[in-house]
């Protein structure tokens, strides 16, 4: 068949082929466009879920950091025990000063260090219980962070798969568009000879 001077029958046949090819490409293009929009919507939902989970994770990590500071303060050798030790030492010194100041036979000076003794966190059941409850909360939050990270990883994989599918469809759309333009050109060309 000649491109420049086709016979009427050849032109009709070529026009029909180009029209059929154009129609098939257009149908695929419309179908892909709807699927692409659906995938975009799904991807946006995944991104929104990921953002929400990321904010939760950040919040939990901040709380864990604050709890770690409290645990450090309440642990043996921490700020609370240091303050208790300083208070107990001050009471002992006051007791020594009072004992030196009072010199009465048969009268013993009061035991200020025993009367005003502050128990350490581990010696006080309430403080120790609070420390254990805080540690338990920290463990719970750490588990929640691990679960959120796992969820984020899964969402990231799903989002990547959706993006890959979208890119593939976008590439197909470009190819289909080229086919439609080519077919349109051919149809316009052969229409002159029909």
N, C-alpha and C. Protein backbone atom coordinates (compact mmCIF):
# COMPACT_ATOMS: atom_id res chain seq x y z
N UNK A 1 0.85 -1.17 0.00
CA UNK A 1 0.00 0.00 0.00
C UNK A 1 0.89 1.23 0.00
N UNK A 2 0.47 2.20 -0.71
CA UNK A 2 1.24 3.43 -0.86
C UNK A 2 0.70 4.48 0.11
N UNK A 3 1.60 5.13 0.78
CA UNK A 3 1.22 6.20 1.72
C UNK A 3 0.74 7.43 0.94
N UNK A 4 1.42 7.73 -0.16
CA UNK A 4 1.11 8.95 -0.91
C UNK A 4 -0.13 8.83 -1.79
N UNK A 5 -0.26 7.77 -2.47
CA UNK A 5 -1.40 7.62 -3.39
C UNK A 5 -2.06 6.26 -3.20
N UNK A 6 -2.75 6.05 -2.07
CA UNK A 6 -3.41 4.76 -1.89
C UNK A 6 -4.68 4.70 -2.74
N UNK A 7 -5.06 3.49 -3.05
CA UNK A 7 -6.34 3.33 -3.74
C UNK A 7 -7.44 3.59 -2.73
N UNK A 8 -8.67 3.78 -3.24
CA UNK A 8 -9.79 4.06 -2.34
C UNK A 8 -9.97 2.91 -1.36
N UNK A 9 -9.86 1.70 -1.85
CA UNK A 9 -10.03 0.52 -1.00
C UNK A 9 -8.92 0.46 0.05
N UNK A 10 -7.70 0.71 -0.36
CA UNK A 10 -6.57 0.70 0.58
C UNK A 10 -6.74 1.81 1.62
N UNK A 11 -7.21 2.97 1.17
CA UNK A 11 -7.42 4.09 2.10
C UNK A 11 -8.52 3.76 3.10
N UNK A 12 -9.61 3.14 2.60
CA UNK A 12 -10.72 2.77 3.51
C UNK A 12 -10.24 1.75 4.53
N UNK A 13 -9.47 0.77 4.07
CA UNK A 13 -8.95 -0.27 4.96
C UNK A 13 -7.98 0.34 6.00
N UNK A 14 -7.08 1.19 5.54
CA UNK A 14 -6.11 1.82 6.45
C UNK A 14 -6.83 2.75 7.43
N UNK A 15 -7.85 3.47 6.92
CA UNK A 15 -8.63 4.36 7.80
C UNK A 15 -9.36 3.54 8.88
N UNK A 16 -9.97 2.44 8.45
CA UNK A 16 -10.68 1.56 9.40
C UNK A 16 -9.75 0.98 10.45
N UNK A 17 -8.57 0.55 10.02
CA UNK A 17 -7.58 0.01 10.98
C UNK A 17 -7.14 1.09 11.97
N UNK A 18 -6.87 2.28 11.45
CA UNK A 18 -6.43 3.37 12.33
C UNK A 18 -7.54 3.76 13.30
N UNK A 19 -8.78 3.77 12.81
CA UNK A 19 -9.93 4.13 13.66
C UNK A 19 -10.13 3.09 14.76
N UNK A 20 -10.02 1.82 14.39
CA UNK A 20 -10.16 0.73 15.37
C UNK A 20 -9.06 0.80 16.43
N UNK A 21 -7.84 1.02 15.96
CA UNK A 21 -6.69 1.13 16.87
C UNK A 21 -6.87 2.35 17.79
N UNK A 22 -7.37 3.45 17.23
CA UNK A 22 -7.61 4.67 18.02
C UNK A 22 -8.65 4.40 19.09
N UNK A 23 -9.76 3.76 18.69
CA UNK A 23 -10.85 3.46 19.63
C UNK A 23 -10.35 2.58 20.78
N UNK A 24 -9.59 1.54 20.47
CA UNK A 24 -9.05 0.65 21.51
C UNK A 24 -8.12 1.42 22.46
N UNK A 25 -7.27 2.25 21.88
CA UNK A 25 -6.34 3.03 22.70
C UNK A 25 -7.10 4.02 23.58
N UNK A 26 -8.17 4.64 23.02
CA UNK A 26 -8.96 5.61 23.78
C UNK A 26 -9.68 4.94 24.94
N UNK A 27 -10.25 3.75 24.67
CA UNK A 27 -10.92 3.00 25.75
C UNK A 27 -9.93 2.66 26.86
N UNK A 28 -8.76 2.17 26.48
CA UNK A 28 -7.72 1.85 27.48
C UNK A 28 -7.29 3.11 28.22
N UNK A 29 -7.17 4.20 27.51
CA UNK A 29 -6.76 5.47 28.12
C UNK A 29 -7.77 5.90 29.19
N UNK A 30 -9.06 5.83 28.86
CA UNK A 30 -10.12 6.21 29.82
C UNK A 30 -10.12 5.27 31.02
N UNK A 31 -10.00 3.97 30.75
CA UNK A 31 -9.96 2.99 31.84
C UNK A 31 -8.77 3.25 32.76
N UNK A 32 -7.59 3.46 32.16
CA UNK A 32 -6.38 3.73 32.95
C UNK A 32 -6.50 5.02 33.75
N UNK A 33 -7.15 6.02 33.15
CA UNK A 33 -7.31 7.30 33.84
C UNK A 33 -8.13 7.11 35.12
N UNK A 34 -9.22 6.34 35.03
CA UNK A 34 -10.06 6.07 36.21
C UNK A 34 -9.27 5.29 37.26
N UNK A 35 -8.52 4.30 36.79
CA UNK A 35 -7.71 3.50 37.73
C UNK A 35 -6.63 4.36 38.37
N UNK A 36 -6.05 5.25 37.61
CA UNK A 36 -5.01 6.16 38.12
C UNK A 36 -5.59 7.07 39.20
N UNK A 37 -6.78 7.59 38.96
CA UNK A 37 -7.45 8.44 39.96
C UNK A 37 -7.76 7.66 41.23
N UNK A 38 -8.20 6.43 41.06
CA UNK A 38 -8.49 5.57 42.22
C UNK A 38 -7.22 5.29 43.02
N UNK A 39 -6.13 4.98 42.31
CA UNK A 39 -4.85 4.73 42.99
C UNK A 39 -4.34 5.98 43.70
N UNK A 40 -4.53 7.14 43.08
CA UNK A 40 -4.12 8.42 43.69
C UNK A 40 -4.87 8.64 45.00
N UNK A 41 -6.18 8.36 44.96
CA UNK A 41 -7.01 8.52 46.16
C UNK A 41 -6.53 7.57 47.27
N UNK A 42 -6.28 6.31 46.89
CA UNK A 42 -5.80 5.32 47.86
C UNK A 42 -4.44 5.73 48.42
N UNK A 43 -3.58 6.22 47.56
CA UNK A 43 -2.24 6.65 47.99
C UNK A 43 -2.35 7.82 48.97
N UNK A 44 -3.24 8.76 48.69
CA UNK A 44 -3.43 9.90 49.59
C UNK A 44 -3.91 9.43 50.96
N UNK A 45 -4.79 8.42 50.99
CA UNK A 45 -5.26 7.86 52.26
C UNK A 45 -4.09 7.24 53.03
N UNK A 46 -3.22 6.52 52.31
CA UNK A 46 -2.06 5.89 52.94
C UNK A 46 -1.13 6.96 53.52
N UNK A 47 -0.93 8.03 52.77
CA UNK A 47 -0.05 9.11 53.24
C UNK A 47 -0.64 9.76 54.49
N UNK A 48 -1.96 9.93 54.50
CA UNK A 48 -2.63 10.52 55.67
C UNK A 48 -2.48 9.62 56.90
N UNK A 49 -2.67 8.31 56.69
CA UNK A 49 -2.48 7.35 57.79
C UNK A 49 -1.04 7.42 58.30
N UNK A 50 -0.10 7.49 57.37
CA UNK A 50 1.32 7.56 57.75
C UNK A 50 1.62 8.81 58.55
N UNK A 51 1.04 9.93 58.15
CA UNK A 51 1.27 11.19 58.88
C UNK A 51 0.72 11.09 60.30
N UNK A 52 -0.47 10.53 60.42
CA UNK A 52 -1.09 10.37 61.74
C UNK A 52 -0.25 9.46 62.62
N UNK A 53 0.20 8.35 62.07
CA UNK A 53 1.04 7.41 62.84
C UNK A 53 2.38 8.03 63.20
N UNK A 54 2.94 8.83 62.31
CA UNK A 54 4.22 9.48 62.60
C UNK A 54 4.07 10.47 63.74
N UNK A 55 2.97 11.25 63.74
CA UNK A 55 2.74 12.20 64.83
C UNK A 55 2.57 11.47 66.16
N UNK A 56 1.84 10.35 66.15
CA UNK A 56 1.67 9.56 67.38
C UNK A 56 3.02 9.05 67.87
N UNK A 57 3.82 8.55 66.94
CA UNK A 57 5.13 8.00 67.28
C UNK A 57 6.01 9.08 67.90
N UNK A 58 6.02 10.26 67.31
CA UNK A 58 6.82 11.37 67.84
C UNK A 58 6.35 11.74 69.24
N UNK A 59 5.04 11.78 69.43
CA UNK A 59 4.48 12.09 70.75
C UNK A 59 4.92 11.05 71.78
N UNK A 60 4.83 9.77 71.41
CA UNK A 60 5.23 8.70 72.32
C UNK A 60 6.72 8.78 72.64
N UNK A 61 7.54 9.09 71.64
CA UNK A 61 8.99 9.19 71.86
C UNK A 61 9.32 10.34 72.80
N UNK A 62 8.59 11.45 72.70
CA UNK A 62 8.80 12.57 73.63
C UNK A 62 8.43 12.15 75.04
N UNK A 63 7.29 11.44 75.17
CA UNK A 63 6.88 10.98 76.50
C UNK A 63 7.89 10.01 77.08
N UNK A 64 8.44 9.14 76.24
CA UNK A 64 9.46 8.18 76.71
C UNK A 64 10.67 8.94 77.23
N UNK A 65 11.08 9.98 76.51
CA UNK A 65 12.24 10.76 76.94
C UNK A 65 11.97 11.42 78.30
N UNK A 66 10.76 11.98 78.46
CA UNK A 66 10.40 12.60 79.74
C UNK A 66 10.38 11.55 80.86
N UNK A 67 9.84 10.38 80.56
CA UNK A 67 9.78 9.30 81.56
C UNK A 67 11.19 8.85 81.92
N UNK A 68 12.07 8.77 80.94
CA UNK A 68 13.46 8.37 81.22
C UNK A 68 14.12 9.37 82.17
N UNK A 69 13.82 10.64 82.00
CA UNK A 69 14.37 11.66 82.91
C UNK A 69 13.85 11.44 84.33
N UNK A 70 12.56 11.13 84.44
CA UNK A 70 11.97 10.88 85.78
C UNK A 70 12.59 9.62 86.39
N UNK A 71 12.72 8.57 85.59
CA UNK A 71 13.32 7.32 86.09
C UNK A 71 14.75 7.59 86.56
N UNK A 72 15.49 8.38 85.79
CA UNK A 72 16.87 8.71 86.17
C UNK A 72 16.88 9.45 87.51
N UNK A 73 15.93 10.36 87.69
CA UNK A 73 15.87 11.12 88.95
C UNK A 73 15.52 10.21 90.13
N UNK A 74 14.63 9.21 89.90
CA UNK A 74 14.16 8.34 90.99
C UNK A 74 15.05 7.13 91.22
N UNK A 75 15.94 6.83 90.30
CA UNK A 75 16.80 5.65 90.43
C UNK A 75 17.85 5.88 91.51
N UNK A 76 18.42 4.77 92.04
CA UNK A 76 19.48 4.92 93.05
C UNK A 76 20.61 5.79 92.50
N UNK A 77 21.03 6.75 93.30
CA UNK A 77 22.08 7.67 92.88
C UNK A 77 21.56 8.83 92.05
N UNK A 78 20.24 8.88 91.85
CA UNK A 78 19.62 9.96 91.07
C UNK A 78 19.42 11.20 91.92
N UNK A 79 18.81 12.22 91.35
CA UNK A 79 18.62 13.51 92.00
C UNK A 79 17.80 13.40 93.29
N UNK A 80 16.77 12.54 93.29
CA UNK A 80 15.93 12.40 94.48
C UNK A 80 16.74 11.78 95.62
N UNK A 81 17.46 10.70 95.33
CA UNK A 81 18.29 10.07 96.37
C UNK A 81 19.39 11.02 96.85
N UNK A 82 19.94 11.83 95.94
CA UNK A 82 20.94 12.81 96.34
C UNK A 82 20.34 13.83 97.31
N UNK A 83 19.14 14.30 97.01
CA UNK A 83 18.47 15.27 97.90
C UNK A 83 18.14 14.63 99.25
N UNK A 84 17.71 13.38 99.22
CA UNK A 84 17.40 12.67 100.47
C UNK A 84 18.67 12.49 101.28
N UNK A 85 19.73 12.10 100.62
CA UNK A 85 21.01 11.93 101.30
C UNK A 85 21.48 13.24 101.92
N UNK A 86 21.33 14.34 101.20
CA UNK A 86 21.73 15.66 101.72
C UNK A 86 20.88 16.01 102.94
N UNK A 87 19.57 15.73 102.89
CA UNK A 87 18.69 16.02 104.03
C UNK A 87 19.07 15.16 105.23
N UNK A 88 19.35 13.89 105.01
CA UNK A 88 19.73 12.99 106.11
C UNK A 88 21.08 13.40 106.70
N UNK A 89 22.02 13.81 105.86
CA UNK A 89 23.33 14.28 106.36
C UNK A 89 23.16 15.55 107.19
N UNK A 90 22.29 16.45 106.72
CA UNK A 90 22.04 17.69 107.49
C UNK A 90 21.44 17.35 108.85
N UNK A 91 20.54 16.39 108.91
CA UNK A 91 19.94 15.99 110.18
C UNK A 91 20.99 15.38 111.11
N UNK A 92 21.90 14.60 110.57
CA UNK A 92 22.98 14.03 111.40
C UNK A 92 23.89 15.12 111.96
N UNK A 93 24.23 16.09 111.11
CA UNK A 93 25.09 17.19 111.56
C UNK A 93 24.39 18.00 112.65
N UNK A 94 23.08 18.27 112.45
CA UNK A 94 22.33 19.01 113.47
C UNK A 94 22.29 18.22 114.78
N UNK A 95 22.15 16.93 114.65
CA UNK A 95 22.13 16.07 115.84
C UNK A 95 23.48 16.16 116.57
N UNK A 96 24.58 16.16 115.82
CA UNK A 96 25.91 16.28 116.41
C UNK A 96 26.09 17.63 117.10
N UNK A 97 25.67 18.71 116.44
CA UNK A 97 25.76 20.05 117.04
C UNK A 97 24.93 20.14 118.31
N UNK A 98 23.73 19.57 118.26
CA UNK A 98 22.85 19.61 119.43
C UNK A 98 23.47 18.80 120.57
N UNK A 99 24.06 17.65 120.25
CA UNK A 99 24.67 16.81 121.28
C UNK A 99 25.84 17.53 121.94
N UNK A 100 26.61 18.31 121.16
CA UNK A 100 27.73 19.06 121.70
C UNK A 100 27.25 20.25 122.53
N UNK A 101 26.09 20.79 122.14
CA UNK A 101 25.58 21.98 122.83
C UNK A 101 24.92 21.63 124.16
N UNK A 102 24.29 20.47 124.25
CA UNK A 102 23.60 20.07 125.48
C UNK A 102 24.49 19.12 126.27
N UNK A 103 24.86 19.57 127.44
CA UNK A 103 25.65 18.73 128.32
C UNK A 103 24.91 18.57 129.63
N UNK A 104 23.98 17.70 129.60
CA UNK A 104 23.23 17.41 130.83
C UNK A 104 23.49 15.96 131.18
N UNK A 105 23.78 15.76 132.46
CA UNK A 105 24.05 14.38 132.85
C UNK A 105 22.73 13.62 132.89
N UNK A 106 22.76 12.45 132.33
CA UNK A 106 21.61 11.58 132.36
C UNK A 106 20.57 11.90 131.28
N UNK A 107 20.75 12.96 130.58
CA UNK A 107 19.77 13.30 129.53
C UNK A 107 20.48 13.14 128.18
N UNK A 108 19.89 12.37 127.45
CA UNK A 108 20.44 12.11 126.12
C UNK A 108 19.83 13.10 125.13
N UNK A 109 20.62 13.59 124.20
CA UNK A 109 20.08 14.54 123.22
C UNK A 109 19.17 13.79 122.25
N UNK A 110 18.18 14.49 121.73
CA UNK A 110 17.23 13.81 120.81
C UNK A 110 17.94 13.32 119.56
N UNK A 111 17.43 12.22 119.03
CA UNK A 111 18.01 11.63 117.82
C UNK A 111 17.31 12.24 116.59
N UNK A 112 17.81 13.40 116.22
CA UNK A 112 17.21 14.13 115.09
C UNK A 112 17.35 13.31 113.80
N UNK A 113 18.49 12.66 113.62
CA UNK A 113 18.71 11.91 112.38
C UNK A 113 17.73 10.75 112.24
N UNK A 114 17.29 10.18 113.35
CA UNK A 114 16.32 9.09 113.29
C UNK A 114 14.89 9.63 113.17
N UNK A 115 14.63 10.71 113.88
CA UNK A 115 13.28 11.29 113.87
C UNK A 115 12.93 11.85 112.49
N UNK A 116 13.89 12.54 111.88
CA UNK A 116 13.61 13.20 110.60
C UNK A 116 14.23 12.46 109.40
N UNK A 117 14.55 11.20 109.61
CA UNK A 117 15.18 10.43 108.51
C UNK A 117 14.22 10.31 107.33
N UNK A 118 14.75 10.64 106.16
CA UNK A 118 13.98 10.49 104.91
C UNK A 118 14.36 9.16 104.27
N UNK A 119 13.39 8.32 103.96
CA UNK A 119 13.72 7.05 103.29
C UNK A 119 14.05 7.31 101.82
N UNK A 120 14.94 6.50 101.27
CA UNK A 120 15.27 6.62 99.84
C UNK A 120 14.08 6.10 99.03
N UNK A 121 14.15 6.27 97.75
CA UNK A 121 13.06 5.82 96.87
C UNK A 121 12.84 4.32 97.04
N UNK A 122 13.90 3.56 97.10
CA UNK A 122 13.76 2.11 97.25
C UNK A 122 13.26 1.71 98.63
N UNK A 123 13.50 2.55 99.65
CA UNK A 123 13.05 2.24 101.00
C UNK A 123 11.59 2.62 101.22
N UNK A 124 11.07 3.53 100.42
CA UNK A 124 9.68 3.99 100.57
C UNK A 124 8.81 3.22 99.59
N UNK A 125 7.84 2.48 100.11
CA UNK A 125 7.00 1.63 99.27
C UNK A 125 6.25 2.43 98.21
N UNK A 126 5.75 3.61 98.57
CA UNK A 126 5.00 4.42 97.61
C UNK A 126 5.90 4.94 96.48
N UNK A 127 7.06 5.43 96.87
CA UNK A 127 8.00 5.94 95.86
C UNK A 127 8.48 4.82 94.96
N UNK A 128 8.79 3.68 95.56
CA UNK A 128 9.26 2.55 94.78
C UNK A 128 8.16 2.05 93.84
N UNK A 129 6.93 2.01 94.35
CA UNK A 129 5.78 1.61 93.52
C UNK A 129 5.59 2.57 92.35
N UNK A 130 5.76 3.87 92.62
CA UNK A 130 5.63 4.87 91.56
C UNK A 130 6.73 4.66 90.51
N UNK A 131 7.95 4.38 90.95
CA UNK A 131 9.06 4.13 90.03
C UNK A 131 8.76 2.92 89.15
N UNK A 132 8.23 1.85 89.74
CA UNK A 132 7.90 0.65 88.96
C UNK A 132 6.77 0.93 87.97
N UNK A 133 5.78 1.72 88.40
CA UNK A 133 4.67 2.07 87.50
C UNK A 133 5.17 2.91 86.33
N UNK A 134 6.10 3.81 86.60
CA UNK A 134 6.67 4.64 85.53
C UNK A 134 7.47 3.77 84.56
N UNK A 135 8.23 2.82 85.09
CA UNK A 135 8.99 1.92 84.22
C UNK A 135 8.04 1.08 83.35
N UNK A 136 6.94 0.65 83.94
CA UNK A 136 5.94 -0.14 83.20
C UNK A 136 5.34 0.70 82.08
N UNK A 137 5.04 1.97 82.36
CA UNK A 137 4.50 2.86 81.34
C UNK A 137 5.51 3.08 80.22
N UNK A 138 6.77 3.21 80.59
CA UNK A 138 7.83 3.38 79.58
C UNK A 138 7.88 2.17 78.66
N UNK A 139 7.80 0.97 79.24
CA UNK A 139 7.82 -0.25 78.43
C UNK A 139 6.61 -0.31 77.50
N UNK A 140 5.45 0.11 78.01
CA UNK A 140 4.24 0.12 77.20
C UNK A 140 4.39 1.08 76.01
N UNK A 141 4.94 2.26 76.28
CA UNK A 141 5.14 3.24 75.22
C UNK A 141 6.18 2.77 74.21
N UNK A 142 7.23 2.13 74.68
CA UNK A 142 8.24 1.61 73.76
C UNK A 142 7.65 0.53 72.84
N UNK A 143 6.77 -0.30 73.40
CA UNK A 143 6.09 -1.31 72.59
C UNK A 143 5.17 -0.64 71.56
N UNK A 144 4.48 0.42 71.98
CA UNK A 144 3.61 1.16 71.06
C UNK A 144 4.42 1.79 69.94
N UNK A 145 5.61 2.31 70.26
CA UNK A 145 6.47 2.91 69.24
C UNK A 145 6.93 1.83 68.25
N UNK A 146 7.28 0.65 68.76
CA UNK A 146 7.69 -0.44 67.87
C UNK A 146 6.54 -0.84 66.93
N UNK A 147 5.33 -0.92 67.48
CA UNK A 147 4.17 -1.27 66.66
C UNK A 147 3.89 -0.19 65.62
N UNK A 148 3.99 1.08 66.02
CA UNK A 148 3.78 2.18 65.07
C UNK A 148 4.84 2.16 63.98
N UNK A 149 6.08 1.87 64.35
CA UNK A 149 7.15 1.81 63.35
C UNK A 149 6.88 0.69 62.36
N UNK A 150 6.41 -0.44 62.86
CA UNK A 150 6.07 -1.56 61.99
C UNK A 150 4.92 -1.15 61.05
N UNK A 151 3.94 -0.47 61.60
CA UNK A 151 2.80 0.01 60.79
C UNK A 151 3.29 1.01 59.74
N UNK A 152 4.19 1.91 60.14
CA UNK A 152 4.74 2.89 59.20
C UNK A 152 5.52 2.21 58.08
N UNK A 153 6.28 1.18 58.43
CA UNK A 153 7.04 0.44 57.42
C UNK A 153 6.09 -0.21 56.41
N UNK A 154 5.00 -0.82 56.93
CA UNK A 154 4.02 -1.45 56.05
C UNK A 154 3.34 -0.40 55.16
N UNK A 155 2.97 0.73 55.75
CA UNK A 155 2.35 1.81 54.97
C UNK A 155 3.29 2.33 53.90
N UNK A 156 4.56 2.43 54.25
CA UNK A 156 5.56 2.90 53.29
C UNK A 156 5.66 1.94 52.11
N UNK A 157 5.64 0.63 52.40
CA UNK A 157 5.70 -0.37 51.34
C UNK A 157 4.46 -0.30 50.45
N UNK A 158 3.28 -0.16 51.09
CA UNK A 158 2.03 -0.06 50.33
C UNK A 158 2.03 1.20 49.47
N UNK A 159 2.49 2.31 50.04
CA UNK A 159 2.54 3.56 49.29
C UNK A 159 3.50 3.45 48.12
N UNK A 160 4.63 2.80 48.35
CA UNK A 160 5.61 2.60 47.26
C UNK A 160 5.01 1.75 46.15
N UNK A 161 4.30 0.68 46.55
CA UNK A 161 3.67 -0.18 45.54
C UNK A 161 2.63 0.60 44.74
N UNK A 162 1.84 1.43 45.43
CA UNK A 162 0.84 2.25 44.74
C UNK A 162 1.52 3.25 43.80
N UNK A 163 2.60 3.86 44.26
CA UNK A 163 3.34 4.82 43.44
C UNK A 163 3.91 4.14 42.20
N UNK A 164 4.47 2.94 42.39
CA UNK A 164 5.01 2.19 41.25
C UNK A 164 3.91 1.88 40.24
N UNK A 165 2.74 1.46 40.75
CA UNK A 165 1.61 1.16 39.87
C UNK A 165 1.17 2.41 39.13
N UNK A 166 1.13 3.54 39.86
CA UNK A 166 0.73 4.81 39.24
C UNK A 166 1.73 5.23 38.16
N UNK A 167 3.01 5.07 38.44
CA UNK A 167 4.04 5.41 37.45
C UNK A 167 3.91 4.54 36.20
N UNK A 168 3.62 3.26 36.41
CA UNK A 168 3.44 2.35 35.29
C UNK A 168 2.22 2.77 34.45
N UNK A 169 1.12 3.12 35.14
CA UNK A 169 -0.07 3.58 34.42
C UNK A 169 0.19 4.90 33.69
N UNK A 170 0.92 5.79 34.33
CA UNK A 170 1.23 7.08 33.70
C UNK A 170 2.06 6.86 32.44
N UNK A 171 2.98 5.91 32.50
CA UNK A 171 3.79 5.58 31.33
C UNK A 171 2.90 4.99 30.23
N UNK A 172 1.98 4.11 30.64
CA UNK A 172 1.05 3.52 29.67
C UNK A 172 0.17 4.61 29.05
N UNK A 173 -0.23 5.59 29.88
CA UNK A 173 -1.04 6.70 29.37
C UNK A 173 -0.27 7.48 28.30
N UNK A 174 0.99 7.70 28.54
CA UNK A 174 1.82 8.41 27.57
C UNK A 174 1.89 7.62 26.26
N UNK A 175 2.08 6.31 26.37
CA UNK A 175 2.14 5.46 25.18
C UNK A 175 0.80 5.46 24.44
N UNK A 176 -0.29 5.36 25.19
CA UNK A 176 -1.62 5.37 24.57
C UNK A 176 -1.90 6.70 23.88
N UNK A 177 -1.48 7.77 24.51
CA UNK A 177 -1.66 9.10 23.92
C UNK A 177 -0.91 9.20 22.59
N UNK A 178 0.30 8.67 22.56
CA UNK A 178 1.08 8.66 21.32
C UNK A 178 0.37 7.85 20.23
N UNK A 179 -0.16 6.70 20.62
CA UNK A 179 -0.88 5.85 19.67
C UNK A 179 -2.09 6.60 19.12
N UNK A 180 -2.84 7.26 20.00
CA UNK A 180 -4.03 8.00 19.56
C UNK A 180 -3.65 9.13 18.61
N UNK A 181 -2.58 9.84 18.92
CA UNK A 181 -2.13 10.93 18.03
C UNK A 181 -1.71 10.38 16.67
N UNK A 182 -0.98 9.27 16.69
CA UNK A 182 -0.53 8.64 15.45
C UNK A 182 -1.73 8.17 14.63
N UNK A 183 -2.68 7.52 15.30
CA UNK A 183 -3.87 7.03 14.61
C UNK A 183 -4.70 8.19 14.06
N UNK A 184 -4.79 9.25 14.85
CA UNK A 184 -5.53 10.43 14.40
C UNK A 184 -4.88 11.02 13.15
N UNK A 185 -3.57 11.07 13.17
CA UNK A 185 -2.84 11.57 12.00
C UNK A 185 -3.12 10.70 10.77
N UNK A 186 -3.05 9.37 10.97
CA UNK A 186 -3.31 8.44 9.87
C UNK A 186 -4.75 8.57 9.37
N UNK A 187 -5.69 8.68 10.29
CA UNK A 187 -7.10 8.81 9.90
C UNK A 187 -7.30 10.08 9.06
N UNK A 188 -6.71 11.18 9.50
CA UNK A 188 -6.83 12.43 8.74
C UNK A 188 -6.20 12.29 7.35
N UNK A 189 -5.09 11.59 7.29
CA UNK A 189 -4.40 11.41 6.00
C UNK A 189 -5.26 10.56 5.03
N UNK A 190 -5.72 9.40 5.52
CA UNK A 190 -6.45 8.49 4.63
C UNK A 190 -7.87 8.96 4.33
N UNK A 191 -8.41 9.85 5.17
CA UNK A 191 -9.75 10.38 4.96
C UNK A 191 -9.84 11.13 3.61
N UNK A 192 -8.72 11.72 3.23
CA UNK A 192 -8.67 12.47 1.94
C UNK A 192 -8.89 11.54 0.75
N UNK A 193 -8.52 10.27 0.91
CA UNK A 193 -8.56 9.33 -0.21
C UNK A 193 -9.82 8.45 -0.21
N UNK A 194 -10.65 8.61 0.82
CA UNK A 194 -11.85 7.77 0.92
C UNK A 194 -12.98 8.32 0.11
